[in-house]
Amino acid sequence: MINIANLVTLSRLAIIPVLIYSIQIENYFLSGFLVIFALFSDWLDGIIARRSNEVTQHGKLLDPAVDKIFIITTLVAFVEKQYINTYPVFLVVAREFLVTWIRSVLVNKGVILQAMFLGKLKTTVQLLSIFLLAIGYIEIGTVVLWVSIVFAYISAFQYFLIFYKKRAWA
């Protein structure tokens, strides 16, 4: 179950405490570096899994879960620093719970959904906003965060359509 790609994915979890601390002390260089590391590892884990022919159901579920934990905890750190308010964090968390519920119901029906393009775009834009906030570009980072929320809800609608088409509630 644990292969190199999944270890790369889990490395994003390992850096969260350091990232939160670097945000608290306003170490913009370290914060920016750790966010870039997270972006790179998010890209790298998929490439490693595909090239080594080790794409697993476990990895398909682990990667988006780690992305959610990374993004939500980092956004909470920005709320604590008063870089952003709680509304975008609420919208991000609500969307993530909704999509996780939809995916869980579908898994129980034997349907495992990989992340779709808009979901990946949402994650990339969220990470861009987190990078901008982490290096102290609060205003533009906040605008980019709101753009990511638009992508998030459009992609959530895509998941809902699959849920509806599969009649997953039945």
C-alpha atoms as a PDB file:
ATOM      1  CA  MET A   1       0.000   0.000   0.000  1.00  0.00           C
ATOM      2  CA  ILE A   2       2.769   2.447   0.842  1.00  0.00           C
ATOM      3  CA  ASN A   3       4.918   3.045  -2.194  1.00  0.00           C
ATOM      4  CA  ILE A   4       7.236   5.891  -3.167  1.00  0.00           C
ATOM      5  CA  ALA A   5       4.394   7.958  -4.659  1.00  0.00           C
ATOM      6  CA  ASN A   6       2.371   7.637  -1.448  1.00  0.00           C
ATOM      7  CA  LEU A   7       5.422   8.600   0.632  1.00  0.00           C
ATOM      8  CA  VAL A   8       5.770  11.751  -1.473  1.00  0.00           C
ATOM      9  CA  THR A   9       2.082  12.442  -0.823  1.00  0.00           C
ATOM     10  CA  LEU A  10       2.549  11.913   2.917  1.00  0.00           C
ATOM     11  CA  SER A  11       5.519  14.313   2.933  1.00  0.00           C
ATOM     12  CA  ARG A  12       2.956  17.114   2.554  1.00  0.00           C
ATOM     13  CA  LEU A  13       1.498  16.104   5.915  1.00  0.00           C
ATOM     14  CA  ALA A  14       4.916  16.134   7.532  1.00  0.00           C
ATOM     15  CA  ILE A  15       5.635  19.753   6.585  1.00  0.00           C
ATOM     16  CA  ILE A  16       2.360  21.200   7.882  1.00  0.00           C
ATOM     17  CA  PRO A  17       3.534  21.933  11.456  1.00  0.00           C
ATOM     18  CA  VAL A  18       6.649  23.667  10.152  1.00  0.00           C
ATOM     19  CA  LEU A  19       4.585  25.657   7.646  1.00  0.00           C
ATOM     20  CA  ILE A  20       2.142  26.765  10.333  1.00  0.00           C
ATOM     21  CA  TYR A  21       5.021  27.872  12.558  1.00  0.00           C
ATOM     22  CA  SER A  22       6.698  29.746   9.694  1.00  0.00           C
ATOM     23  CA  ILE A  23       3.400  31.560   9.021  1.00  0.00           C
ATOM     24  CA  GLN A  24       3.069  32.465  12.699  1.00  0.00           C
ATOM     25  CA  ILE A  25       6.546  34.007  12.827  1.00  0.00           C
ATOM     26  CA  GLU A  26       6.127  35.593   9.370  1.00  0.00           C
ATOM     27  CA  ASN A  27       9.111  33.818   7.882  1.00  0.00           C
ATOM     28  CA  TYR A  28       7.992  34.466   4.306  1.00  0.00           C
ATOM     29  CA  PHE A  29      10.961  32.695   2.744  1.00  0.00           C
ATOM     30  CA  LEU A  30      10.412  29.429   4.618  1.00  0.00           C
ATOM     31  CA  SER A  31       6.639  29.628   4.202  1.00  0.00           C
ATOM     32  CA  GLY A  32       6.980  30.179   0.473  1.00  0.00           C
ATOM     33  CA  PHE A  33       9.516  27.389   0.134  1.00  0.00           C
ATOM     34  CA  LEU A  34       7.265  24.904   1.961  1.00  0.00           C
ATOM     35  CA  VAL A  35       4.264  25.789  -0.186  1.00  0.00           C
ATOM     36  CA  ILE A  36       6.369  25.333  -3.334  1.00  0.00           C
ATOM     37  CA  PHE A  37       7.498  21.985  -1.914  1.00  0.00           C
ATOM     38  CA  ALA A  38       3.836  21.019  -1.434  1.00  0.00           C
ATOM     39  CA  LEU A  39       2.986  22.064  -5.002  1.00  0.00           C
ATOM     40  CA  PHE A  40       5.940  20.120  -6.357  1.00  0.00           C
ATOM     41  CA  SER A  41       5.135  17.013  -4.305  1.00  0.00           C
ATOM     42  CA  ASP A  42       1.494  17.153  -5.411  1.00  0.00           C
ATOM     43  CA  TRP A  43       2.657  17.115  -9.028  1.00  0.00           C
ATOM     44  CA  LEU A  44       5.439  14.581  -8.437  1.00  0.00           C
ATOM     45  CA  ASP A  45       3.442  11.899  -6.633  1.00  0.00           C
ATOM     46  CA  GLY A  46       1.161  11.363  -9.625  1.00  0.00           C
ATOM     47  CA  ILE A  47       4.054  11.206 -12.056  1.00  0.00           C
ATOM     48  CA  ILE A  48       5.911   8.682  -9.904  1.00  0.00           C
ATOM     49  CA  ALA A  49       2.815   6.512  -9.528  1.00  0.00           C
ATOM     50  CA  ARG A  50       2.099   6.476 -13.273  1.00  0.00           C
ATOM     51  CA  ARG A  51       5.705   5.929 -14.399  1.00  0.00           C
ATOM     52  CA  SER A  52       6.340   3.158 -11.892  1.00  0.00           C
ATOM     53  CA  ASN A  53       2.963   1.606 -12.709  1.00  0.00           C
ATOM     54  CA  GLU A  54       1.978   1.891  -9.044  1.00  0.00           C
ATOM     55  CA  VAL A  55      -1.285   3.811  -9.338  1.00  0.00           C
ATOM     56  CA  THR A  56      -3.390   2.373  -6.520  1.00  0.00           C
ATOM     57  CA  GLN A  57      -6.914   2.904  -5.238  1.00  0.00           C
ATOM     58  CA  HIS A  58      -5.275   3.806  -1.919  1.00  0.00           C
ATOM     59  CA  GLY A  59      -3.183   6.507  -3.596  1.00  0.00           C
ATOM     60  CA  LYS A  60      -6.161   7.854  -5.545  1.00  0.00           C
ATOM     61  CA  LEU A  61      -7.928   8.478  -2.242  1.00  0.00           C
ATOM     62  CA  LEU A  62      -4.856   9.479  -0.202  1.00  0.00           C
ATOM     63  CA  ASP A  63      -3.691  12.300  -2.485  1.00  0.00           C
ATOM     64  CA  PRO A  64      -6.895  14.384  -2.377  1.00  0.00           C
ATOM     65  CA  ALA A  65      -7.266  13.728   1.367  1.00  0.00           C
ATOM     66  CA  VAL A  66      -3.757  15.056   2.041  1.00  0.00           C
ATOM     67  CA  ASP A  67      -4.439  18.023  -0.246  1.00  0.00           C
ATOM     68  CA  LYS A  68      -7.531  18.852   1.831  1.00  0.00           C
ATOM     69  CA  ILE A  69      -5.688  18.583   5.138  1.00  0.00           C
ATOM     70  CA  PHE A  70      -2.804  20.714   3.848  1.00  0.00           C
ATOM     71  CA  ILE A  71      -5.042  23.418   2.397  1.00  0.00           C
ATOM     72  CA  ILE A  72      -7.504  23.633   5.285  1.00  0.00           C
ATOM     73  CA  THR A  73      -4.909  23.709   8.058  1.00  0.00           C
ATOM     74  CA  THR A  74      -2.874  26.319   6.200  1.00  0.00           C
ATOM     75  CA  LEU A  75      -5.950  28.488   5.628  1.00  0.00           C
ATOM     76  CA  VAL A  76      -6.760  28.229   9.333  1.00  0.00           C
ATOM     77  CA  ALA A  77      -3.234  29.468  10.090  1.00  0.00           C
ATOM     78  CA  PHE A  78      -3.923  32.479   7.844  1.00  0.00           C
ATOM     79  CA  VAL A  79      -7.164  33.165   9.735  1.00  0.00           C
ATOM     80  CA  GLU A  80      -5.213  33.031  12.986  1.00  0.00           C
ATOM     81  CA  LYS A  81      -2.742  35.552  11.515  1.00  0.00           C
ATOM     82  CA  GLN A  82      -5.744  37.649  10.366  1.00  0.00           C
ATOM     83  CA  TYR A  83      -4.591  37.521   6.744  1.00  0.00           C
ATOM     84  CA  ILE A  84      -8.030  36.236   5.695  1.00  0.00           C
ATOM     85  CA  ASN A  85     -11.389  35.908   7.408  1.00  0.00           C
ATOM     86  CA  THR A  86     -13.342  32.764   8.120  1.00  0.00           C
ATOM     87  CA  TYR A  87     -15.819  32.969   5.214  1.00  0.00           C
ATOM     88  CA  PRO A  88     -13.547  31.546   2.507  1.00  0.00           C
ATOM     89  CA  VAL A  89     -12.359  28.863   4.929  1.00  0.00           C
ATOM     90  CA  PHE A  90     -15.980  27.935   5.659  1.00  0.00           C
ATOM     91  CA  LEU A  91     -16.704  27.692   1.927  1.00  0.00           C
ATOM     92  CA  VAL A  92     -13.611  25.558   1.324  1.00  0.00           C
ATOM     93  CA  VAL A  93     -14.389  23.222   4.229  1.00  0.00           C
ATOM     94  CA  ALA A  94     -18.084  22.930   3.322  1.00  0.00           C
ATOM     95  CA  ARG A  95     -17.216  22.040  -0.273  1.00  0.00           C
ATOM     96  CA  GLU A  96     -14.630  19.496   0.808  1.00  0.00           C
ATOM     97  CA  PHE A  97     -17.057  17.765   3.167  1.00  0.00           C
ATOM     98  CA  LEU A  98     -19.742  17.709   0.476  1.00  0.00           C
ATOM     99  CA  VAL A  99     -17.419  16.248  -2.161  1.00  0.00           C
ATOM    100  CA  THR A 100     -15.987  13.750   0.330  1.00  0.00           C
ATOM    101  CA  TRP A 101     -19.529  12.625   1.178  1.00  0.00           C
ATOM    102  CA  ILE A 102     -20.399  12.263  -2.527  1.00  0.00           C
ATOM    103  CA  ARG A 103     -17.210  10.278  -3.174  1.00  0.00           C
ATOM    104  CA  SER A 104     -17.853   8.068  -0.135  1.00  0.00           C
ATOM    105  CA  VAL A 105     -21.384   7.247  -1.268  1.00  0.00           C
ATOM    106  CA  LEU A 106     -20.071   6.464  -4.743  1.00  0.00           C
ATOM    107  CA  VAL A 107     -17.305   4.237  -3.309  1.00  0.00           C
ATOM    108  CA  ASN A 108     -20.000   2.289  -1.454  1.00  0.00           C
ATOM    109  CA  LYS A 109     -21.679   1.806  -4.848  1.00  0.00           C
ATOM    110  CA  GLY A 110     -18.402   0.522  -6.314  1.00  0.00           C
ATOM    111  CA  VAL A 111     -17.504   3.751  -8.120  1.00  0.00           C
ATOM    112  CA  ILE A 112     -14.110   5.299  -7.329  1.00  0.00           C
ATOM    113  CA  LEU A 113     -13.632   8.760  -8.778  1.00  0.00           C
ATOM    114  CA  GLN A 114     -10.212  10.096  -9.506  1.00  0.00           C
ATOM    115  CA  ALA A 115      -9.688  13.806  -9.203  1.00  0.00           C
ATOM    116  CA  MET A 116     -11.078  15.570 -12.257  1.00  0.00           C
ATOM    117  CA  PHE A 117      -9.417  18.391 -14.179  1.00  0.00           C
ATOM    118  CA  LEU A 118     -11.379  21.183 -12.491  1.00  0.00           C
ATOM    119  CA  GLY A 119     -10.652  19.641  -9.094  1.00  0.00           C
ATOM    120  CA  LYS A 120      -6.949  19.606  -9.904  1.00  0.00           C
ATOM    121  CA  LEU A 121      -7.177  23.180 -11.193  1.00  0.00           C
ATOM    122  CA  LYS A 122      -8.984  24.177  -7.990  1.00  0.00           C
ATOM    123  CA  THR A 123      -6.207  22.632  -5.916  1.00  0.00           C
ATOM    124  CA  THR A 124      -3.503  24.337  -7.973  1.00  0.00           C
ATOM    125  CA  VAL A 125      -5.183  27.744  -7.667  1.00  0.00           C
ATOM    126  CA  GLN A 126      -5.733  27.182  -3.927  1.00  0.00           C
ATOM    127  CA  LEU A 127      -2.043  26.372  -3.541  1.00  0.00           C
ATOM    128  CA  LEU A 128      -1.158  29.486  -5.557  1.00  0.00           C
ATOM    129  CA  SER A 129      -3.299  31.581  -3.221  1.00  0.00           C
ATOM    130  CA  ILE A 130      -1.675  29.924  -0.213  1.00  0.00           C
ATOM    131  CA  PHE A 131       1.759  30.654  -1.687  1.00  0.00           C
ATOM    132  CA  LEU A 132       0.876  34.316  -2.199  1.00  0.00           C
ATOM    133  CA  LEU A 133      -0.497  34.596   1.333  1.00  0.00           C
ATOM    134  CA  ALA A 134       2.531  32.742   2.729  1.00  0.00           C
ATOM    135  CA  ILE A 135       4.966  35.215   1.196  1.00  0.00           C
ATOM    136  CA  GLY A 136       2.981  38.203   2.422  1.00  0.00           C
ATOM    137  CA  TYR A 137       0.995  39.178  -0.683  1.00  0.00           C
ATOM    138  CA  ILE A 138      -2.246  39.255   1.275  1.00  0.00           C
ATOM    139  CA  GLU A 139      -4.519  41.199  -1.083  1.00  0.00           C
ATOM    140  CA  ILE A 140      -3.730  39.289  -4.275  1.00  0.00           C
ATOM    141  CA  GLY A 141      -3.585  35.995  -2.364  1.00  0.00           C
ATOM    142  CA  THR A 142      -7.094  36.648  -1.056  1.00  0.00           C
ATOM    143  CA  VAL A 143      -8.405  37.398  -4.565  1.00  0.00           C
ATOM    144  CA  VAL A 144      -6.825  34.207  -5.917  1.00  0.00           C
ATOM    145  CA  LEU A 145      -8.354  32.280  -3.002  1.00  0.00           C
ATOM    146  CA  TRP A 146     -11.821  33.509  -4.026  1.00  0.00           C
ATOM    147  CA  VAL A 147     -11.117  32.451  -7.621  1.00  0.00           C
ATOM    148  CA  SER A 148     -10.206  28.990  -6.325  1.00  0.00           C
ATOM    149  CA  ILE A 149     -13.517  28.872  -4.468  1.00  0.00           C
ATOM    150  CA  VAL A 150     -15.368  29.482  -7.743  1.00  0.00           C
ATOM    151  CA  PHE A 151     -13.459  26.568  -9.320  1.00  0.00           C
ATOM    152  CA  ALA A 152     -14.145  24.499  -6.197  1.00  0.00           C
ATOM    153  CA  TYR A 153     -17.893  24.865  -6.474  1.00  0.00           C
ATOM    154  CA  ILE A 154     -17.948  24.260 -10.216  1.00  0.00           C
ATOM    155  CA  SER A 155     -15.969  21.053  -9.706  1.00  0.00           C
ATOM    156  CA  ALA A 156     -18.274  20.077  -6.812  1.00  0.00           C
ATOM    157  CA  PHE A 157     -21.170  20.406  -9.233  1.00  0.00           C
ATOM    158  CA  GLN A 158     -19.366  17.995 -11.591  1.00  0.00           C
ATOM    159  CA  TYR A 159     -19.153  15.450  -8.767  1.00  0.00           C
ATOM    160  CA  PHE A 160     -22.810  15.985  -7.995  1.00  0.00           C
ATOM    161  CA  LEU A 161     -23.741  15.310 -11.631  1.00  0.00           C
ATOM    162  CA  ILE A 162     -21.925  11.965 -11.514  1.00  0.00           C
ATOM    163  CA  PHE A 163     -23.633  11.214  -8.197  1.00  0.00           C
ATOM    164  CA  TYR A 164     -26.976  12.029  -9.811  1.00  0.00           C
ATOM    165  CA  LYS A 165     -26.324  10.070 -13.024  1.00  0.00           C
ATOM    166  CA  LYS A 166     -25.263   6.991 -11.028  1.00  0.00           C
ATOM    167  CA  ARG A 167     -28.424   7.339  -8.906  1.00  0.00           C
ATOM    168  CA  ALA A 168     -26.122   6.926  -5.911  1.00  0.00           C
ATOM    169  CA  TRP A 169     -28.795   7.920  -3.415  1.00  0.00           C
ATOM    170  CA  ALA A 170     -30.879   4.842  -4.274  1.00  0.00           C
END
